[in-house]
Structures are given as structure tokens and as C-alpha cells.
């Protein structure tokens, strides 16, 4: 099913998001800062106001994750675990991921999302940290790598049957009213669920968006064919030096890929 997630308004800050009101709307998870941290860069500890807000979320049964906090939930019989860190995603940080992924598996998670804030800002190309880190996270046991940090749309990759999103750009981002590249994307991913709760990648649908119009920070869907294809091209690796995205040629003109029945070849 296609949908158009256009925000109806803009909140001035996290404190304006009332946990009780969020719970009344059925919201179960809040990703308030895509840096995977609850504090600004180079700040050691969260403010008392932010800590109180986080505790209020927990009191309403609303989850959060980032840094050393993981999140576990169950949806349609699948126990899902989420872990996330911010750059540098170096060897030490990857060891933290591995420990958290192992603990999530021990807790019964059969689908694990590894969120990573990384990449060179404003770049359409992945850097070495992303190139090495994303496959490593899959090898550790992550089922989906969800990347962000470049503020741009970067390629997808199917690695050993698992999906890597190196960067899906911004969805709502109030720090830049005039980005050089204002393309963004909503990715719908479907999975086939086995009796044991394990999941197999089924299909991907990429919905192209612009970040906002008239500087209102409200993303809106791209309607013209050329604009859509521009986004879809950014989601596919180009050039011999880059990895193979593992997407069908038709993805460049449809933004859709169905993996059911396809043979999966492990990467070296």
C-alpha cells in the first residue's frame, strides 16, 4: 500500500512532543535525533530536561534507542531489536555494535536493525567508513542497516540477502532551509515472515520526495517522472569501483524491486 507521510506541522523542539499525547495516538517508538544520540555533538551528558522527557516517554510505554540504549518490540510475531551509534563508526564502535547485537539475539530478537549516523555531509558517495562498516554489521547478525548523516540520498545494497541503506537523506530537518540537494526518499520494505520469526527480504518500494517547499520543512512527494528517476538513480551504485547494489535494472525507472524467488549469492 502506498502512502504519503506529509507532516501536518512542525514542532519547535523535543519538549513540545508530549509523551502522553503521543501514546494516545498509538505511537510506540520515537526517533528524535537521527545522530543516534540524545545529546548534541561534543556534549558529555543530556540536559535534565531531556532526561526527564526520555523518562516520560518510557512511562508511557514509548521506546527510544541510541548510544548504549537498545530497543526491543514485537510486531506480527517478530521480535525486533534496534541498536544505533554515531560516527566515527570505527573498530571500537563496531565492537560495541557486535556486543549489542549479540545481546539482542540472546533476548530473542529475530530481526535486528543497526542504525548508523555516518558519511560525508552533502556527498552522494559513500566513504570508507560506510563501505567497510555496513557489510560488517550484516556479518555480525544485523538484518537491516539503516544509515543517515550525509543529508543526501545514497545507494542501497543487497548484501548476503540483507538490505543496506547507506543514507536515506533527511525527512524532516530544520537546520538547513536551502540544501544543495533537496531530494529525499521514503523506503517501503516488505519481508516474508517464517514460523520461527525470521524474516526474508521480499520487496522494496522507493517513494521519491523533496525535503520541503517554501522553507516549511514539510517533505512532499515528487510527482514528475524525471524527478522520480533522479532519486531512483541515486539509490543505485554506478561505476566499476563501487559494489553492486543488487537491484534489477527496472528499479531505475520504477523504484521497485521484488526479491522473491531470486537467487542470493553471498558476497566475498
Protein backbone atom coordinates (compact mmCIF):
# COMPACT_ATOMS: atom_id res chain seq x y z
CA UNK A 1 0.00 0.00 0.00
CA UNK A 2 1.35 3.41 -0.92
CA UNK A 3 1.02 6.33 1.41
CA UNK A 4 2.08 9.97 1.57
CA UNK A 5 3.56 10.75 5.00
CA UNK A 6 3.39 14.56 4.85
CA UNK A 7 3.75 16.17 8.29
CA UNK A 8 0.88 18.44 9.30
CA UNK A 9 3.01 20.74 11.36
CA UNK A 10 6.42 21.49 12.79
CA UNK A 11 7.38 21.25 16.47
CA UNK A 12 9.86 23.79 17.88
CA UNK A 13 11.70 21.19 19.94
CA UNK A 14 11.55 17.78 21.61
CA UNK A 15 9.83 19.17 24.71
CA UNK A 16 6.82 20.13 22.58
CA UNK A 17 6.24 16.43 21.85
CA UNK A 18 4.06 15.47 24.80
CA UNK A 19 4.62 11.75 25.61
CA UNK A 20 1.04 11.28 26.83
CA UNK A 21 -0.35 12.76 23.60
CA UNK A 22 1.99 10.57 21.54
CA UNK A 23 0.84 7.46 23.39
CA UNK A 24 -2.81 8.43 22.80
CA UNK A 25 -2.05 8.42 19.06
CA UNK A 26 -0.64 4.90 19.25
CA UNK A 27 3.00 5.91 18.75
CA UNK A 28 5.35 3.28 20.15
CA UNK A 29 8.80 4.49 19.14
CA UNK A 30 10.31 7.96 18.85
CA UNK A 31 13.48 8.62 16.86
CA UNK A 32 14.01 12.20 17.96
CA UNK A 33 17.57 12.70 16.76
CA UNK A 34 18.99 10.90 13.75
CA UNK A 35 22.50 11.17 15.18
CA UNK A 36 21.68 8.12 17.34
CA UNK A 37 22.46 10.17 20.42
CA UNK A 38 20.27 12.07 22.85
CA UNK A 39 22.81 14.87 23.28
CA UNK A 40 24.39 17.34 20.81
CA UNK A 41 27.86 16.76 19.43
CA UNK A 42 30.72 17.17 21.92
CA UNK A 43 28.32 17.36 24.89
CA UNK A 44 29.04 14.75 27.55
CA UNK A 45 25.61 14.30 29.14
CA UNK A 46 21.97 15.03 28.26
CA UNK A 47 20.30 18.00 29.91
CA UNK A 48 17.96 17.39 32.87
CA UNK A 49 15.06 18.48 30.65
CA UNK A 50 15.96 15.90 28.01
CA UNK A 51 16.44 13.16 30.60
CA UNK A 52 13.03 13.94 32.10
CA UNK A 53 11.42 13.81 28.65
CA UNK A 54 13.03 10.45 27.93
CA UNK A 55 11.78 9.10 31.26
CA UNK A 56 8.28 10.41 30.45
CA UNK A 57 8.39 8.53 27.14
CA UNK A 58 9.29 5.33 28.96
CA UNK A 59 6.45 5.87 31.44
CA UNK A 60 4.02 5.94 28.51
CA UNK A 61 5.49 2.76 27.02
CA UNK A 62 7.18 4.65 24.18
CA UNK A 63 10.60 3.35 23.28
CA UNK A 64 13.82 5.08 22.34
CA UNK A 65 17.29 3.96 21.34
CA UNK A 66 20.73 5.38 20.69
CA UNK A 67 24.26 5.13 22.06
CA UNK A 68 24.16 2.26 24.57
CA UNK A 69 20.35 2.12 24.76
CA UNK A 70 18.74 -0.52 22.56
CA UNK A 71 15.06 -1.03 21.85
CA UNK A 72 13.03 -4.25 21.55
CA UNK A 73 9.47 -4.61 20.33
CA UNK A 74 7.26 -7.31 18.84
CA UNK A 75 5.32 -6.82 15.62
CA UNK A 76 3.32 -9.57 13.90
CA UNK A 77 5.10 -12.24 15.93
CA UNK A 78 8.56 -10.90 15.08
CA UNK A 79 10.78 -9.72 17.94
CA UNK A 80 12.65 -6.71 16.58
CA UNK A 81 15.76 -5.20 18.14
CA UNK A 82 17.28 -1.82 17.25
CA UNK A 83 20.77 -0.55 18.03
CA UNK A 84 22.43 2.67 16.88
CA UNK A 85 25.62 4.71 17.23
CA UNK A 86 27.05 7.85 15.67
CA UNK A 87 30.36 8.42 13.94
CA UNK A 88 33.13 7.65 14.00
CA UNK A 89 31.98 4.09 13.25
CA UNK A 90 35.48 2.76 13.83
CA UNK A 91 36.77 -0.58 15.09
CA UNK A 92 35.92 0.27 18.68
CA UNK A 93 32.39 1.32 17.78
CA UNK A 94 31.89 -1.82 15.68
CA UNK A 95 32.82 -3.90 18.73
CA UNK A 96 30.07 -2.11 20.65
CA UNK A 97 27.62 -2.94 17.87
CA UNK A 98 28.65 -6.59 17.99
CA UNK A 99 28.08 -6.86 21.74
CA UNK A 100 24.67 -5.19 21.47
CA UNK A 101 23.63 -7.37 18.53
CA UNK A 102 24.64 -10.49 20.46
CA UNK A 103 22.60 -9.34 23.47
CA UNK A 104 19.59 -8.59 21.25
CA UNK A 105 19.80 -12.11 19.82
CA UNK A 106 20.08 -13.57 23.32
CA UNK A 107 16.94 -11.61 24.19
CA UNK A 108 15.09 -13.44 21.41
CA UNK A 109 15.23 -10.88 18.62
CA UNK A 110 14.84 -12.48 15.20
CA UNK A 111 15.14 -9.23 13.25
CA UNK A 112 17.79 -6.65 14.13
CA UNK A 113 18.12 -3.14 12.74
CA UNK A 114 21.53 -1.47 13.00
CA UNK A 115 21.22 2.30 12.71
CA UNK A 116 24.38 4.26 11.86
CA UNK A 117 24.94 8.03 11.70
CA UNK A 118 27.88 8.36 9.31
CA UNK A 119 29.05 9.52 5.90
CA UNK A 120 30.42 12.76 4.47
CA UNK A 121 27.85 15.53 4.62
CA UNK A 122 26.34 16.62 1.28
CA UNK A 123 28.04 13.73 -0.56
CA UNK A 124 26.19 11.32 -2.85
CA UNK A 125 29.01 8.78 -2.45
CA UNK A 126 29.76 6.53 0.50
CA UNK A 127 33.09 6.81 2.28
CA UNK A 128 35.45 4.12 3.54
CA UNK A 129 33.82 4.02 6.98
CA UNK A 130 30.46 3.19 5.39
CA UNK A 131 31.91 0.81 2.81
CA UNK A 132 33.62 -1.27 5.49
CA UNK A 133 31.15 -0.82 8.31
CA UNK A 134 27.85 -1.73 6.65
CA UNK A 135 28.82 -5.25 5.49
CA UNK A 136 30.48 -5.82 8.87
CA UNK A 137 27.19 -5.04 10.64
CA UNK A 138 25.37 -7.57 8.45
CA UNK A 139 28.08 -10.15 9.13
CA UNK A 140 27.59 -9.55 12.87
CA UNK A 141 23.93 -10.50 12.57
CA UNK A 142 22.05 -7.33 11.63
CA UNK A 143 19.18 -7.89 9.20
CA UNK A 144 18.91 -4.27 8.06
CA UNK A 145 21.42 -1.41 8.12
CA UNK A 146 19.74 1.99 8.27
CA UNK A 147 22.23 4.77 7.58
CA UNK A 148 21.94 8.56 7.79
CA UNK A 149 24.25 11.51 8.26
CA UNK A 150 25.18 12.68 4.77
CA UNK A 151 21.87 14.59 4.37
CA UNK A 152 21.71 13.14 0.87
CA UNK A 153 20.27 10.09 -0.87
CA UNK A 154 22.99 7.46 -1.15
CA UNK A 155 22.87 3.99 -2.76
CA UNK A 156 21.20 0.86 -1.47
CA UNK A 157 22.94 -2.51 -1.44
CA UNK A 158 21.68 -6.06 -1.10
CA UNK A 159 24.45 -7.85 0.79
CA UNK A 160 24.05 -11.56 1.53
CA UNK A 161 20.32 -11.16 1.13
CA UNK A 162 20.12 -8.26 3.61
CA UNK A 163 19.34 -4.61 2.87
CA UNK A 164 21.85 -1.82 3.46
CA UNK A 165 20.58 1.77 3.26
CA UNK A 166 23.75 3.86 3.36
CA UNK A 167 21.75 7.10 3.68
CA UNK A 168 18.09 7.93 3.01
CA UNK A 169 18.79 11.67 3.36
CA UNK A 170 16.61 13.87 5.60
CA UNK A 171 12.90 13.54 6.14
CA UNK A 172 12.31 16.48 8.44
CA UNK A 173 15.39 18.58 9.13
CA UNK A 174 15.14 22.16 10.34
CA UNK A 175 18.85 23.00 10.35
CA UNK A 176 19.15 23.81 6.65
CA UNK A 177 16.48 25.77 4.80
CA UNK A 178 18.34 25.69 1.48
CA UNK A 179 20.23 22.40 0.97
CA UNK A 180 22.26 21.98 -2.20
CA UNK A 181 20.45 18.70 -2.85
CA UNK A 182 16.87 18.61 -1.56
CA UNK A 183 15.99 15.10 -2.76
CA UNK A 184 14.92 12.59 -0.14
CA UNK A 185 13.14 9.23 -0.15
CA UNK A 186 10.69 7.13 1.81
CA UNK A 187 11.56 3.45 1.57
CA UNK A 188 8.90 0.77 2.00
CA UNK A 189 10.43 -2.64 2.66
CA UNK A 190 8.41 -5.86 2.90
CA UNK A 191 9.53 -9.15 4.41
CA UNK A 192 8.26 -12.71 4.35
CA UNK A 193 7.97 -13.99 7.92
CA UNK A 194 8.76 -17.62 8.73
CA UNK A 195 7.18 -19.61 11.56
CA UNK A 196 10.25 -19.07 13.76
CA UNK A 197 10.02 -15.28 13.35
CA UNK A 198 12.94 -15.00 10.95
CA UNK A 199 12.43 -12.64 8.01
CA UNK A 200 13.40 -12.84 4.35
CA UNK A 201 13.60 -9.72 2.22
CA UNK A 202 10.59 -9.59 -0.08
CA UNK A 203 10.44 -6.28 -1.91
CA UNK A 204 11.49 -2.63 -1.86
CA UNK A 205 9.47 0.39 -2.98
CA UNK A 206 11.24 3.76 -3.08
CA UNK A 207 8.96 6.82 -2.89
CA UNK A 208 10.84 9.98 -4.03
CA UNK A 209 10.30 13.18 -2.04
CA UNK A 210 11.58 16.72 -1.74
CA UNK A 211 12.62 17.85 1.74
CA UNK A 212 10.31 20.86 1.79
CA UNK A 213 8.86 23.74 -0.18
CA UNK A 214 8.80 27.40 0.83
CA UNK A 215 11.17 26.55 3.69
CA UNK A 216 8.39 24.96 5.74
CA UNK A 217 10.41 21.78 6.46
CA UNK A 218 7.50 19.59 5.38
CA UNK A 219 8.53 16.95 2.82
CA UNK A 220 6.28 16.39 -0.18
CA UNK A 221 6.20 13.66 -2.87
CA UNK A 222 7.81 14.22 -6.24
CA UNK A 223 5.21 13.89 -8.99
CA UNK A 224 7.13 14.31 -12.27
CA UNK A 225 8.79 11.27 -13.87
CA UNK A 226 12.20 12.92 -14.34
CA UNK A 227 12.34 13.95 -10.70
CA UNK A 228 11.44 10.45 -9.54
CA UNK A 229 14.06 8.80 -11.74
CA UNK A 230 16.68 11.23 -10.47
CA UNK A 231 16.11 9.89 -6.94
CA UNK A 232 16.00 6.26 -8.05
CA UNK A 233 19.34 6.64 -9.85
CA UNK A 234 20.93 7.91 -6.65
CA UNK A 235 19.88 4.69 -4.92
CA UNK A 236 21.90 2.52 -7.32
CA UNK A 237 25.69 2.24 -7.29
CA UNK A 238 27.40 3.32 -10.50
CA UNK A 239 30.92 2.54 -11.71
CA UNK A 240 33.21 -0.48 -11.56
CA UNK A 241 34.92 0.61 -8.33
CA UNK A 242 31.68 0.56 -6.37
CA UNK A 243 29.88 -2.54 -5.07
CA UNK A 244 26.90 -3.96 -6.94
CA UNK A 245 23.64 -2.67 -5.50
CA UNK A 246 21.97 -5.98 -6.35
CA UNK A 247 18.90 -4.22 -7.71
CA UNK A 248 17.19 -5.07 -11.02
CA UNK A 249 17.64 -2.71 -13.98
CA UNK A 250 13.94 -1.88 -13.82
CA UNK A 251 14.47 -0.22 -10.43
CA UNK A 252 15.96 2.80 -12.20
CA UNK A 253 12.60 3.58 -13.81
CA UNK A 254 10.14 2.14 -11.31
CA UNK A 255 11.75 2.41 -7.88
CA UNK A 256 10.53 -1.13 -7.19
CA UNK A 257 12.36 -4.41 -6.70
CA UNK A 258 10.91 -7.83 -5.86
CA UNK A 259 13.40 -10.35 -4.46
CA UNK A 260 11.11 -13.32 -4.01
CA UNK A 261 12.43 -16.28 -5.94
CA UNK A 262 15.71 -14.56 -6.75
CA UNK A 263 18.92 -16.44 -6.12
CA UNK A 264 21.06 -14.82 -3.42
CA UNK A 265 24.82 -15.10 -3.91
CA UNK A 266 26.98 -14.40 -0.87
CA UNK A 267 29.49 -11.57 -1.32
CA UNK A 268 33.16 -12.23 -0.84
